C-alpha atoms as a PDB file:
ATOM      1  CA  MET A   1       4.102  18.605 -44.926  1.00  0.00           C
ATOM      2  CA  ILE A   2       1.169  20.629 -46.215  1.00  0.00           C
ATOM      3  CA  ASP A   3       0.976  23.605 -48.529  1.00  0.00           C
ATOM      4  CA  VAL A   4      -0.414  26.760 -46.830  1.00  0.00           C
ATOM      5  CA  ARG A   5      -3.256  26.830 -49.298  1.00  0.00           C
ATOM      6  CA  ASP A   6      -4.388  23.386 -48.268  1.00  0.00           C
ATOM      7  CA  ALA A   7      -4.003  24.308 -44.547  1.00  0.00           C
ATOM      8  CA  ALA A   8      -6.225  27.409 -45.107  1.00  0.00           C
ATOM      9  CA  LEU A   9      -8.819  25.285 -47.007  1.00  0.00           C
ATOM     10  CA  ALA A  10      -8.888  22.800 -44.109  1.00  0.00           C
ATOM     11  CA  LEU A  11      -9.435  25.563 -41.577  1.00  0.00           C
ATOM     12  CA  ARG A  12     -12.123  27.081 -43.740  1.00  0.00           C
ATOM     13  CA  LEU A  13     -13.927  23.814 -44.060  1.00  0.00           C
ATOM     14  CA  LEU A  14     -13.768  23.238 -40.305  1.00  0.00           C
ATOM     15  CA  GLY A  15     -15.220  26.736 -39.782  1.00  0.00           C
ATOM     16  CA  GLN A  16     -18.023  26.058 -42.196  1.00  0.00           C
ATOM     17  CA  ALA A  17     -18.912  22.512 -41.000  1.00  0.00           C
ATOM     18  CA  GLU A  18     -22.382  22.493 -39.543  1.00  0.00           C
ATOM     19  CA  ARG A  19     -21.847  19.456 -37.422  1.00  0.00           C
ATOM     20  CA  LEU A  20     -18.421  18.416 -36.087  1.00  0.00           C
ATOM     21  CA  THR A  21     -17.869  15.378 -33.850  1.00  0.00           C
ATOM     22  CA  GLY A  22     -16.066  17.293 -31.056  1.00  0.00           C
ATOM     23  CA  ARG A  23     -12.871  15.531 -31.731  1.00  0.00           C
ATOM     24  CA  GLU A  24      -9.460  17.021 -32.463  1.00  0.00           C
ATOM     25  CA  TYR A  25      -8.351  17.276 -36.025  1.00  0.00           C
ATOM     26  CA  TYR A  26      -4.843  16.962 -37.483  1.00  0.00           C
ATOM     27  CA  ILE A  27      -4.351  19.378 -40.402  1.00  0.00           C
ATOM     28  CA  GLY A  28      -1.770  17.997 -42.769  1.00  0.00           C
ATOM     29  CA  SER A  29      -1.245  16.222 -46.046  1.00  0.00           C
ATOM     30  CA  GLY A  30      -2.096  12.767 -44.679  1.00  0.00           C
ATOM     31  CA  ARG A  31       1.362  11.530 -45.880  1.00  0.00           C
ATOM     32  CA  ALA A  32       3.367  11.004 -42.845  1.00  0.00           C
ATOM     33  CA  LYS A  33       7.038  10.050 -43.380  1.00  0.00           C
ATOM     34  CA  PRO A  34      10.427  10.748 -41.829  1.00  0.00           C
ATOM     35  CA  LEU A  35      11.736  14.328 -42.401  1.00  0.00           C
ATOM     36  CA  ARG A  36      14.794  12.949 -44.299  1.00  0.00           C
ATOM     37  CA  GLU A  37      12.413  11.637 -46.959  1.00  0.00           C
ATOM     38  CA  TRP A  38      10.786  15.159 -47.352  1.00  0.00           C
ATOM     39  CA  PHE A  39      14.290  16.561 -47.905  1.00  0.00           C
ATOM     40  CA  ILE A  40      15.040  13.926 -50.513  1.00  0.00           C
ATOM     41  CA  GLU A  41      11.680  14.614 -52.226  1.00  0.00           C
ATOM     42  CA  ALA A  42      12.374  18.366 -52.299  1.00  0.00           C
ATOM     43  CA  ARG A  43      15.822  17.813 -53.783  1.00  0.00           C
ATOM     44  CA  GLU A  44      14.304  15.582 -56.532  1.00  0.00           C
ATOM     45  CA  ALA A  45      11.424  18.115 -57.157  1.00  0.00           C
ATOM     46  CA  LEU A  46      14.097  20.805 -57.716  1.00  0.00           C
ATOM     47  CA  GLY A  47      16.059  18.534 -60.003  1.00  0.00           C
ATOM     48  CA  THR A  48      19.305  19.109 -58.159  1.00  0.00           C
ATOM     49  CA  GLU A  49      21.974  16.819 -56.799  1.00  0.00           C
ATOM     50  CA  ALA A  50      22.661  18.947 -53.772  1.00  0.00           C
ATOM     51  CA  ALA A  51      24.374  16.962 -51.033  1.00  0.00           C
ATOM     52  CA  LEU A  52      22.249  16.091 -47.996  1.00  0.00           C
ATOM     53  CA  ALA A  53      23.874  15.098 -44.792  1.00  0.00           C
ATOM     54  CA  PHE A  54      21.978  12.788 -42.515  1.00  0.00           C
ATOM     55  CA  ASP A  55      23.004  11.017 -39.306  1.00  0.00           C
ATOM     56  CA  LYS A  56      25.642  13.586 -38.428  1.00  0.00           C
ATOM     57  CA  ARG A  57      24.072  14.156 -35.090  1.00  0.00           C
ATOM     58  CA  PRO A  58      23.228  11.569 -32.442  1.00  0.00           C
ATOM     59  CA  ASP A  59      19.688  10.057 -32.507  1.00  0.00           C
ATOM     60  CA  ASP A  60      17.467  12.225 -30.254  1.00  0.00           C
ATOM     61  CA  GLY A  61      15.282   9.283 -29.351  1.00  0.00           C
ATOM     62  CA  LEU A  62      12.095  10.901 -30.505  1.00  0.00           C
ATOM     63  CA  ARG A  63       9.639   8.523 -32.152  1.00  0.00           C
ATOM     64  CA  PHE A  64       6.469   9.431 -33.870  1.00  0.00           C
ATOM     65  CA  ASP A  65       3.488   7.249 -34.636  1.00  0.00           C
ATOM     66  CA  LYS A  66       2.026   7.702 -38.159  1.00  0.00           C
ATOM     67  CA  SER A  67      -1.484   7.502 -36.613  1.00  0.00           C
ATOM     68  CA  TRP A  68      -0.848  10.939 -35.063  1.00  0.00           C
ATOM     69  CA  PHE A  69      -0.855  12.430 -38.527  1.00  0.00           C
ATOM     70  CA  ASP A  70      -4.074  10.731 -39.727  1.00  0.00           C
ATOM     71  CA  ILE A  71      -6.436  13.103 -41.489  1.00  0.00           C
ATOM     72  CA  SER A  72      -9.306  10.689 -41.899  1.00  0.00           C
ATOM     73  CA  ALA A  73     -11.463  12.451 -39.267  1.00  0.00           C
ATOM     74  CA  LEU A  74     -10.905  15.755 -41.097  1.00  0.00           C
ATOM     75  CA  GLU A  75     -11.735  14.138 -44.437  1.00  0.00           C
ATOM     76  CA  THR A  76     -14.878  12.459 -43.048  1.00  0.00           C
ATOM     77  CA  ASP A  77     -16.257  15.480 -41.153  1.00  0.00           C
ATOM     78  CA  THR A  78     -15.438  18.212 -43.687  1.00  0.00           C
ATOM     79  CA  GLY A  79     -14.695  16.495 -47.058  1.00  0.00           C
ATOM     80  CA  PHE A  80     -11.136  17.929 -46.974  1.00  0.00           C
ATOM     81  CA  MET A  81      -8.567  16.540 -49.348  1.00  0.00           C
ATOM     82  CA  PRO A  82      -5.170  18.094 -49.919  1.00  0.00           C
ATOM     83  CA  ARG A  83      -4.948  19.628 -53.400  1.00  0.00           C
ATOM     84  CA  VAL A  84      -1.330  20.844 -53.757  1.00  0.00           C
ATOM     85  CA  SER A  85       1.386  18.235 -54.044  1.00  0.00           C
ATOM     86  CA  PHE A  86       4.592  18.682 -52.117  1.00  0.00           C
ATOM     87  CA  SER A  87       6.638  18.872 -55.330  1.00  0.00           C
ATOM     88  CA  THR A  88       4.395  21.618 -56.697  1.00  0.00           C
ATOM     89  CA  ALA A  89       4.676  23.553 -53.538  1.00  0.00           C
ATOM     90  CA  VAL A  90       8.551  23.182 -53.502  1.00  0.00           C
ATOM     91  CA  ASN A  91       8.776  24.317 -57.093  1.00  0.00           C
ATOM     92  CA  GLU A  92       6.453  27.306 -56.590  1.00  0.00           C
ATOM     93  CA  LEU A  93       8.541  28.328 -53.558  1.00  0.00           C
ATOM     94  CA  ALA A  94      11.682  28.100 -55.576  1.00  0.00           C
ATOM     95  CA  ASP A  95      10.202  30.166 -58.382  1.00  0.00           C
ATOM     96  CA  TRP A  96       9.120  32.813 -55.787  1.00  0.00           C
ATOM     97  CA  LEU A  97      12.521  32.866 -54.248  1.00  0.00           C
ATOM     98  CA  ASN A  98      14.221  33.300 -57.579  1.00  0.00           C
ATOM     99  CA  LYS A  99      12.057  36.346 -58.306  1.00  0.00           C
ATOM    100  CA  LYS A 100      12.667  37.770 -54.859  1.00  0.00           C
ATOM    101  CA  ILE A 101      16.432  37.056 -54.690  1.00  0.00           C
ATOM    102  CA  GLY A 102      17.048  37.293 -58.403  1.00  0.00           C
ATOM    103  CA  SER A 103      20.114  35.050 -58.151  1.00  0.00           C
ATOM    104  CA  GLY A 104      18.904  31.983 -59.955  1.00  0.00           C
ATOM    105  CA  LEU A 105      19.814  30.034 -56.915  1.00  0.00           C
ATOM    106  CA  TYR A 106      16.993  27.549 -57.428  1.00  0.00           C
ATOM    107  CA  ASP A 107      17.017  27.302 -61.260  1.00  0.00           C
ATOM    108  CA  ASN A 108      17.720  23.567 -61.289  1.00  0.00           C
ATOM    109  CA  HIS A 109      14.060  22.515 -61.520  1.00  0.00           C
END
């Protein structure tokens, strides 16, 4: 997962780079982990005990290699380092939603 501000920064740095290696770059946080762990981290960031349901559907068989999400080439060629933590992004989104919706739905953080 990556905050949109970090994604924009990575793209800007790529656009400004004088000499790139000609390789492909993955733009992300550099913290690859299963989606379920992101959901758990979001729940913790919001300070809620909301129920999460995993393993309710059959395994789809998809497997991902953490090396696919490696940002070391991006870091080396542009100096990019993510600045916004996942929990900060989740909390800022919750605050924004509360202002838009006005229901206090995400007030548990």
